[in-house]
Amino acid sequence: MLVERGIQVLNFEVVGDAYAIASNYLRKSGAIADSLVTDERLLAIIMKLFQRGEFNRLRLANKAIARFEAGVLA
């Protein structure tokens, strides 16, 4: 689904898929708690990467995982 936000158009499906991939990996590795609550730090990393032009969901998830594990916000 595309939603217009000013000039920028966000594709929430890509962000949602990337979050699902990254959070699944991080939960299985024990880096984040195994709960249904959204990890705000991981979501912020994914949103920043998306806003910088990364639109491939798998690459977005992999970059977010690397930054999350390194303790980098974006």
PDB file of N, CA and C in Angstrom:
ATOM      1  N   MET A   1       0.842  -1.174   0.000  1.00  0.00           N
ATOM      2  CA  MET A   1       0.000   0.000   0.000  1.00  0.00           C
ATOM      3  C   MET A   1       0.885   1.235   0.000  1.00  0.00           C
ATOM      4  N   LEU A   2       0.591   2.173  -0.863  1.00  0.00           N
ATOM      5  CA  LEU A   2       1.342   3.419  -0.924  1.00  0.00           C
ATOM      6  C   LEU A   2       0.553   4.519  -0.227  1.00  0.00           C
ATOM      7  N   VAL A   3       1.234   5.308   0.584  1.00  0.00           N
ATOM      8  CA  VAL A   3       0.607   6.422   1.284  1.00  0.00           C
ATOM      9  C   VAL A   3       1.436   7.662   1.009  1.00  0.00           C
ATOM     10  N   GLU A   4       0.783   8.707   0.556  1.00  0.00           N
ATOM     11  CA  GLU A   4       1.501   9.942   0.255  1.00  0.00           C
ATOM     12  C   GLU A   4       1.701  10.738   1.529  1.00  0.00           C
ATOM     13  N   ARG A   5       2.934  11.157   1.784  1.00  0.00           N
ATOM     14  CA  ARG A   5       3.272  11.973   2.960  1.00  0.00           C
ATOM     15  C   ARG A   5       4.032  13.173   2.441  1.00  0.00           C
ATOM     16  N   GLY A   6       3.322  14.244   2.120  1.00  0.00           N
ATOM     17  CA  GLY A   6       3.983  15.400   1.533  1.00  0.00           C
ATOM     18  C   GLY A   6       4.446  15.019   0.131  1.00  0.00           C
ATOM     19  N   ILE A   7       5.733  15.132  -0.111  1.00  0.00           N
ATOM     20  CA  ILE A   7       6.303  14.777  -1.407  1.00  0.00           C
ATOM     21  C   ILE A   7       6.703  13.311  -1.439  1.00  0.00           C
ATOM     22  N   GLN A   8       7.050  12.760  -0.295  1.00  0.00           N
ATOM     23  CA  GLN A   8       7.545  11.402  -0.215  1.00  0.00           C
ATOM     24  C   GLN A   8       6.400  10.392  -0.207  1.00  0.00           C
ATOM     25  N   VAL A   9       6.585   9.305  -0.929  1.00  0.00           N
ATOM     26  CA  VAL A   9       5.616   8.216  -0.926  1.00  0.00           C
ATOM     27  C   VAL A   9       6.263   7.030  -0.232  1.00  0.00           C
ATOM     28  N   LEU A  10       5.598   6.512   0.804  1.00  0.00           N
ATOM     29  CA  LEU A  10       6.134   5.395   1.569  1.00  0.00           C
ATOM     30  C   LEU A  10       5.427   4.112   1.167  1.00  0.00           C
ATOM     31  N   ASN A  11       6.182   3.071   0.946  1.00  0.00           N
ATOM     32  CA  ASN A  11       5.615   1.763   0.666  1.00  0.00           C
ATOM     33  C   ASN A  11       5.705   0.956   1.951  1.00  0.00           C
ATOM     34  N   PHE A  12       4.603   0.887   2.681  1.00  0.00           N
ATOM     35  CA  PHE A  12       4.598   0.239   3.992  1.00  0.00           C
ATOM     36  C   PHE A  12       4.780  -1.268   3.890  1.00  0.00           C
ATOM     37  N   GLU A  13       4.470  -1.842   2.732  1.00  0.00           N
ATOM     38  CA  GLU A  13       4.654  -3.272   2.557  1.00  0.00           C
ATOM     39  C   GLU A  13       6.127  -3.647   2.602  1.00  0.00           C
ATOM     40  N   VAL A  14       6.976  -2.854   1.949  1.00  0.00           N
ATOM     41  CA  VAL A  14       8.420  -3.107   1.959  1.00  0.00           C
ATOM     42  C   VAL A  14       8.969  -2.966   3.376  1.00  0.00           C
ATOM     43  N   VAL A  15       8.589  -1.914   4.064  1.00  0.00           N
ATOM     44  CA  VAL A  15       9.053  -1.681   5.436  1.00  0.00           C
ATOM     45  C   VAL A  15       8.556  -2.798   6.354  1.00  0.00           C
ATOM     46  N   GLY A  16       7.306  -3.175   6.217  1.00  0.00           N
ATOM     47  CA  GLY A  16       6.738  -4.229   7.043  1.00  0.00           C
ATOM     48  C   GLY A  16       7.400  -5.577   6.811  1.00  0.00           C
ATOM     49  N   ASP A  17       7.645  -5.903   5.544  1.00  0.00           N
ATOM     50  CA  ASP A  17       8.317  -7.161   5.223  1.00  0.00           C
ATOM     51  C   ASP A  17       9.748  -7.176   5.753  1.00  0.00           C
ATOM     52  N   ALA A  18      10.452  -6.071   5.581  1.00  0.00           N
ATOM     53  CA  ALA A  18      11.832  -5.982   6.064  1.00  0.00           C
ATOM     54  C   ALA A  18      11.868  -6.104   7.587  1.00  0.00           C
ATOM     55  N   TYR A  19      10.900  -5.476   8.268  1.00  0.00           N
ATOM     56  CA  TYR A  19      10.842  -5.575   9.724  1.00  0.00           C
ATOM     57  C   TYR A  19      10.572  -7.020  10.140  1.00  0.00           C
ATOM     58  N   ALA A  20       9.656  -7.688   9.450  1.00  0.00           N
ATOM     59  CA  ALA A  20       9.325  -9.076   9.787  1.00  0.00           C
ATOM     60  C   ALA A  20      10.543  -9.987   9.629  1.00  0.00           C
ATOM     61  N   ILE A  21      11.288  -9.815   8.553  1.00  0.00           N
ATOM     62  CA  ILE A  21      12.489 -10.624   8.304  1.00  0.00           C
ATOM     63  C   ILE A  21      13.532 -10.372   9.391  1.00  0.00           C
ATOM     64  N   ALA A  22      13.816  -9.090   9.638  1.00  0.00           N
ATOM     65  CA  ALA A  22      14.861  -8.725  10.600  1.00  0.00           C
ATOM     66  C   ALA A  22      14.471  -9.122  12.026  1.00  0.00           C
ATOM     67  N   SER A  23      13.242  -8.854  12.408  1.00  0.00           N
ATOM     68  CA  SER A  23      12.835  -9.171  13.780  1.00  0.00           C
ATOM     69  C   SER A  23      12.785 -10.685  14.007  1.00  0.00           C
ATOM     70  N   ASN A  24      12.385 -11.437  13.000  1.00  0.00           N
ATOM     71  CA  ASN A  24      12.377 -12.892  13.119  1.00  0.00           C
ATOM     72  C   ASN A  24      13.796 -13.412  13.368  1.00  0.00           C
ATOM     73  N   TYR A  25      14.749 -12.915  12.587  1.00  0.00           N
ATOM     74  CA  TYR A  25      16.144 -13.335  12.769  1.00  0.00           C
ATOM     75  C   TYR A  25      16.659 -12.935  14.155  1.00  0.00           C
ATOM     76  N   LEU A  26      16.411 -11.692  14.539  1.00  0.00           N
ATOM     77  CA  LEU A  26      16.920 -11.192  15.817  1.00  0.00           C
ATOM     78  C   LEU A  26      16.263 -11.884  17.012  1.00  0.00           C
ATOM     79  N   ARG A  27      15.006 -12.263  16.882  1.00  0.00           N
ATOM     80  CA  ARG A  27      14.341 -13.021  17.956  1.00  0.00           C
ATOM     81  C   ARG A  27      14.954 -14.411  18.090  1.00  0.00           C
ATOM     82  N   LYS A  28      15.185 -15.056  16.951  1.00  0.00           N
ATOM     83  CA  LYS A  28      15.764 -16.405  16.980  1.00  0.00           C
ATOM     84  C   LYS A  28      17.202 -16.404  17.488  1.00  0.00           C
ATOM     85  N   SER A  29      17.916 -15.305  17.253  1.00  0.00           N
ATOM     86  CA  SER A  29      19.296 -15.217  17.732  1.00  0.00           C
ATOM     87  C   SER A  29      19.369 -14.737  19.188  1.00  0.00           C
ATOM     88  N   GLY A  30      18.235 -14.294  19.733  1.00  0.00           N
ATOM     89  CA  GLY A  30      18.189 -13.843  21.118  1.00  0.00           C
ATOM     90  C   GLY A  30      18.550 -12.383  21.313  1.00  0.00           C
ATOM     91  N   ALA A  31      18.690 -11.629  20.233  1.00  0.00           N
ATOM     92  CA  ALA A  31      19.068 -10.216  20.334  1.00  0.00           C
ATOM     93  C   ALA A  31      17.911  -9.341  20.811  1.00  0.00           C
ATOM     94  N   ILE A  32      16.685  -9.755  20.514  1.00  0.00           N
ATOM     95  CA  ILE A  32      15.514  -9.036  21.019  1.00  0.00           C
ATOM     96  C   ILE A  32      14.574 -10.043  21.663  1.00  0.00           C
ATOM     97  N   ALA A  33      13.713  -9.540  22.532  1.00  0.00           N
ATOM     98  CA  ALA A  33      12.790 -10.407  23.263  1.00  0.00           C
ATOM     99  C   ALA A  33      11.780 -11.051  22.320  1.00  0.00           C
ATOM    100  N   ASP A  34      11.398 -12.265  22.638  1.00  0.00           N
ATOM    101  CA  ASP A  34      10.422 -12.994  21.839  1.00  0.00           C
ATOM    102  C   ASP A  34       9.014 -12.598  22.273  1.00  0.00           C
ATOM    103  N   SER A  35       8.558 -11.457  21.753  1.00  0.00           N
ATOM    104  CA  SER A  35       7.221 -10.965  22.092  1.00  0.00           C
ATOM    105  C   SER A  35       6.597 -10.343  20.848  1.00  0.00           C
ATOM    106  N   LEU A  36       5.334  -9.982  20.960  1.00  0.00           N
ATOM    107  CA  LEU A  36       4.632  -9.384  19.830  1.00  0.00           C
ATOM    108  C   LEU A  36       4.801  -7.860  19.773  1.00  0.00           C
ATOM    109  N   VAL A  37       5.534  -7.307  20.714  1.00  0.00           N
ATOM    110  CA  VAL A  37       5.744  -5.861  20.777  1.00  0.00           C
ATOM    111  C   VAL A  37       6.788  -5.451  19.734  1.00  0.00           C
ATOM    112  N   THR A  38       6.499  -4.378  19.008  1.00  0.00           N
ATOM    113  CA  THR A  38       7.419  -3.865  17.995  1.00  0.00           C
ATOM    114  C   THR A  38       8.656  -3.282  18.660  1.00  0.00           C
ATOM    115  N   ASP A  39       9.822  -3.638  18.173  1.00  0.00           N
ATOM    116  CA  ASP A  39      11.074  -3.075  18.676  1.00  0.00           C
ATOM    117  C   ASP A  39      11.285  -1.732  17.972  1.00  0.00           C
ATOM    118  N   GLU A  40      11.128  -0.663  18.728  1.00  0.00           N
ATOM    119  CA  GLU A  40      11.183   0.684  18.155  1.00  0.00           C
ATOM    120  C   GLU A  40      12.552   1.007  17.546  1.00  0.00           C
ATOM    121  N   ARG A  41      13.617   0.516  18.159  1.00  0.00           N
ATOM    122  CA  ARG A  41      14.959   0.793  17.638  1.00  0.00           C
ATOM    123  C   ARG A  41      15.156   0.141  16.266  1.00  0.00           C
ATOM    124  N   LEU A  42      14.734  -1.098  16.131  1.00  0.00           N
ATOM    125  CA  LEU A  42      14.841  -1.792  14.849  1.00  0.00           C
ATOM    126  C   LEU A  42      13.988  -1.105  13.792  1.00  0.00           C
ATOM    127  N   LEU A  43      12.779  -0.719  14.148  1.00  0.00           N
ATOM    128  CA  LEU A  43      11.909  -0.028  13.203  1.00  0.00           C
ATOM    129  C   LEU A  43      12.506   1.308  12.774  1.00  0.00           C
ATOM    130  N   ALA A  44      13.109   2.033  13.697  1.00  0.00           N
ATOM    131  CA  ALA A  44      13.742   3.320  13.361  1.00  0.00           C
ATOM    132  C   ALA A  44      14.894   3.115  12.391  1.00  0.00           C
ATOM    133  N   ILE A  45      15.671   2.063  12.584  1.00  0.00           N
ATOM    134  CA  ILE A  45      16.781   1.763  11.675  1.00  0.00           C
ATOM    135  C   ILE A  45      16.245   1.470  10.282  1.00  0.00           C
ATOM    136  N   ILE A  46      15.222   0.650  10.202  1.00  0.00           N
ATOM    137  CA  ILE A  46      14.646   0.300   8.902  1.00  0.00           C
ATOM    138  C   ILE A  46      14.062   1.531   8.217  1.00  0.00           C
ATOM    139  N   MET A  47      13.367   2.371   8.958  1.00  0.00           N
ATOM    140  CA  MET A  47      12.784   3.584   8.371  1.00  0.00           C
ATOM    141  C   MET A  47      13.862   4.526   7.844  1.00  0.00           C
ATOM    142  N   LYS A  48      14.955   4.689   8.591  1.00  0.00           N
ATOM    143  CA  LYS A  48      16.035   5.567   8.124  1.00  0.00           C
ATOM    144  C   LYS A  48      16.673   5.030   6.852  1.00  0.00           C
ATOM    145  N   LEU A  49      16.904   3.734   6.802  1.00  0.00           N
ATOM    146  CA  LEU A  49      17.474   3.124   5.601  1.00  0.00           C
ATOM    147  C   LEU A  49      16.527   3.269   4.411  1.00  0.00           C
ATOM    148  N   PHE A  50      15.242   3.075   4.651  1.00  0.00           N
ATOM    149  CA  PHE A  50      14.244   3.220   3.596  1.00  0.00           C
ATOM    150  C   PHE A  50      14.204   4.656   3.081  1.00  0.00           C
ATOM    151  N   GLN A  51      14.237   5.600   3.999  1.00  0.00           N
ATOM    152  CA  GLN A  51      14.209   7.010   3.608  1.00  0.00           C
ATOM    153  C   GLN A  51      15.462   7.422   2.854  1.00  0.00           C
ATOM    154  N   ARG A  52      16.554   6.710   3.067  1.00  0.00           N
ATOM    155  CA  ARG A  52      17.805   6.993   2.345  1.00  0.00           C
ATOM    156  C   ARG A  52      17.859   6.304   0.993  1.00  0.00           C
ATOM    157  N   GLY A  53      16.823   5.547   0.637  1.00  0.00           N
ATOM    158  CA  GLY A  53      16.743   4.996  -0.711  1.00  0.00           C
ATOM    159  C   GLY A  53      16.898   3.498  -0.850  1.00  0.00           C
ATOM    160  N   GLU A  54      16.891   2.771   0.240  1.00  0.00           N
ATOM    161  CA  GLU A  54      16.984   1.306   0.148  1.00  0.00           C
ATOM    162  C   GLU A  54      15.565   0.744   0.072  1.00  0.00           C
ATOM    163  N   PHE A  55      15.193   0.166  -1.072  1.00  0.00           N
ATOM    164  CA  PHE A  55      13.821  -0.289  -1.274  1.00  0.00           C
ATOM    165  C   PHE A  55      13.703  -1.798  -1.418  1.00  0.00           C
ATOM    166  N   ASN A  56      14.821  -2.515  -1.464  1.00  0.00           N
ATOM    167  CA  ASN A  56      14.791  -3.967  -1.552  1.00  0.00           C
ATOM    168  C   ASN A  56      14.615  -4.523  -0.147  1.00  0.00           C
ATOM    169  N   ARG A  57      13.529  -5.269   0.070  1.00  0.00           N
ATOM    170  CA  ARG A  57      13.192  -5.703   1.448  1.00  0.00           C
ATOM    171  C   ARG A  57      14.240  -6.607   2.070  1.00  0.00           C
ATOM    172  N   LEU A  58      14.868  -7.476   1.302  1.00  0.00           N
ATOM    173  CA  LEU A  58      15.877  -8.368   1.871  1.00  0.00           C
ATOM    174  C   LEU A  58      17.160  -7.609   2.221  1.00  0.00           C
ATOM    175  N   ARG A  59      17.594  -6.732   1.324  1.00  0.00           N
ATOM    176  CA  ARG A  59      18.784  -5.914   1.592  1.00  0.00           C
ATOM    177  C   ARG A  59      18.517  -4.975   2.769  1.00  0.00           C
ATOM    178  N   LEU A  60      17.311  -4.437   2.821  1.00  0.00           N
ATOM    179  CA  LEU A  60      16.915  -3.547   3.913  1.00  0.00           C
ATOM    180  C   LEU A  60      16.968  -4.289   5.249  1.00  0.00           C
ATOM    181  N   ALA A  61      16.444  -5.500   5.280  1.00  0.00           N
ATOM    182  CA  ALA A  61      16.472  -6.302   6.501  1.00  0.00           C
ATOM    183  C   ALA A  61      17.904  -6.644   6.908  1.00  0.00           C
ATOM    184  N   ASN A  62      18.733  -7.044   5.955  1.00  0.00           N
ATOM    185  CA  ASN A  62      20.123  -7.412   6.265  1.00  0.00           C
ATOM    186  C   ASN A  62      20.923  -6.223   6.795  1.00  0.00           C
ATOM    187  N   LYS A  63      20.750  -5.058   6.181  1.00  0.00           N
ATOM    188  CA  LYS A  63      21.451  -3.864   6.662  1.00  0.00           C
ATOM    189  C   LYS A  63      20.963  -3.472   8.054  1.00  0.00           C
ATOM    190  N   ALA A  64      19.654  -3.599   8.276  1.00  0.00           N
ATOM    191  CA  ALA A  64      19.096  -3.256   9.588  1.00  0.00           C
ATOM    192  C   ALA A  64      19.615  -4.209  10.663  1.00  0.00           C
ATOM    193  N   ILE A  65      19.710  -5.494  10.349  1.00  0.00           N
ATOM    194  CA  ILE A  65      20.245  -6.476  11.297  1.00  0.00           C
ATOM    195  C   ILE A  65      21.685  -6.125  11.656  1.00  0.00           C
ATOM    196  N   ALA A  66      22.480  -5.821  10.647  1.00  0.00           N
ATOM    197  CA  ALA A  66      23.894  -5.492  10.887  1.00  0.00           C
ATOM    198  C   ALA A  66      24.021  -4.262  11.769  1.00  0.00           C
ATOM    199  N   ARG A  67      23.226  -3.224  11.488  1.00  0.00           N
ATOM    200  CA  ARG A  67      23.295  -2.002  12.285  1.00  0.00           C
ATOM    201  C   ARG A  67      22.749  -2.235  13.695  1.00  0.00           C
ATOM    202  N   PHE A  68      21.694  -3.006  13.817  1.00  0.00           N
ATOM    203  CA  PHE A  68      21.129  -3.310  15.139  1.00  0.00           C
ATOM    204  C   PHE A  68      22.149  -4.042  16.004  1.00  0.00           C
ATOM    205  N   GLU A  69      22.794  -5.054  15.434  1.00  0.00           N
ATOM    206  CA  GLU A  69      23.779  -5.831  16.191  1.00  0.00           C
ATOM    207  C   GLU A  69      25.019  -5.006  16.518  1.00  0.00           C
ATOM    208  N   ALA A  70      25.343  -4.027  15.669  1.00  0.00           N
ATOM    209  CA  ALA A  70      26.495  -3.164  15.911  1.00  0.00           C
ATOM    210  C   ALA A  70      26.161  -2.032  16.893  1.00  0.00           C
ATOM    211  N   GLY A  71      24.884  -1.857  17.185  1.00  0.00           N
ATOM    212  CA  GLY A  71      24.470  -0.800  18.102  1.00  0.00           C
ATOM    213  C   GLY A  71      24.383   0.562  17.454  1.00  0.00           C
ATOM    214  N   VAL A  72      24.285   0.590  16.131  1.00  0.00           N
ATOM    215  CA  VAL A  72      24.196   1.843  15.376  1.00  0.00           C
ATOM    216  C   VAL A  72      22.733   2.135  15.101  1.00  0.00           C
ATOM    217  N   LEU A  73      22.335   3.411  15.209  1.00  0.00           N
ATOM    218  CA  LEU A  73      20.934   3.757  14.961  1.00  0.00           C
ATOM    219  C   LEU A  73      20.604   3.697  13.478  1.00  0.00           C
ATOM    220  N   ALA A  74      21.502   4.144  12.620  1.00  0.00           N
ATOM    221  CA  ALA A  74      21.185   4.076  11.186  1.00  0.00           C
ATOM    222  C   ALA A  74      22.407   4.094  10.324  1.00  0.00           C
TER     223      ALA A  74
END
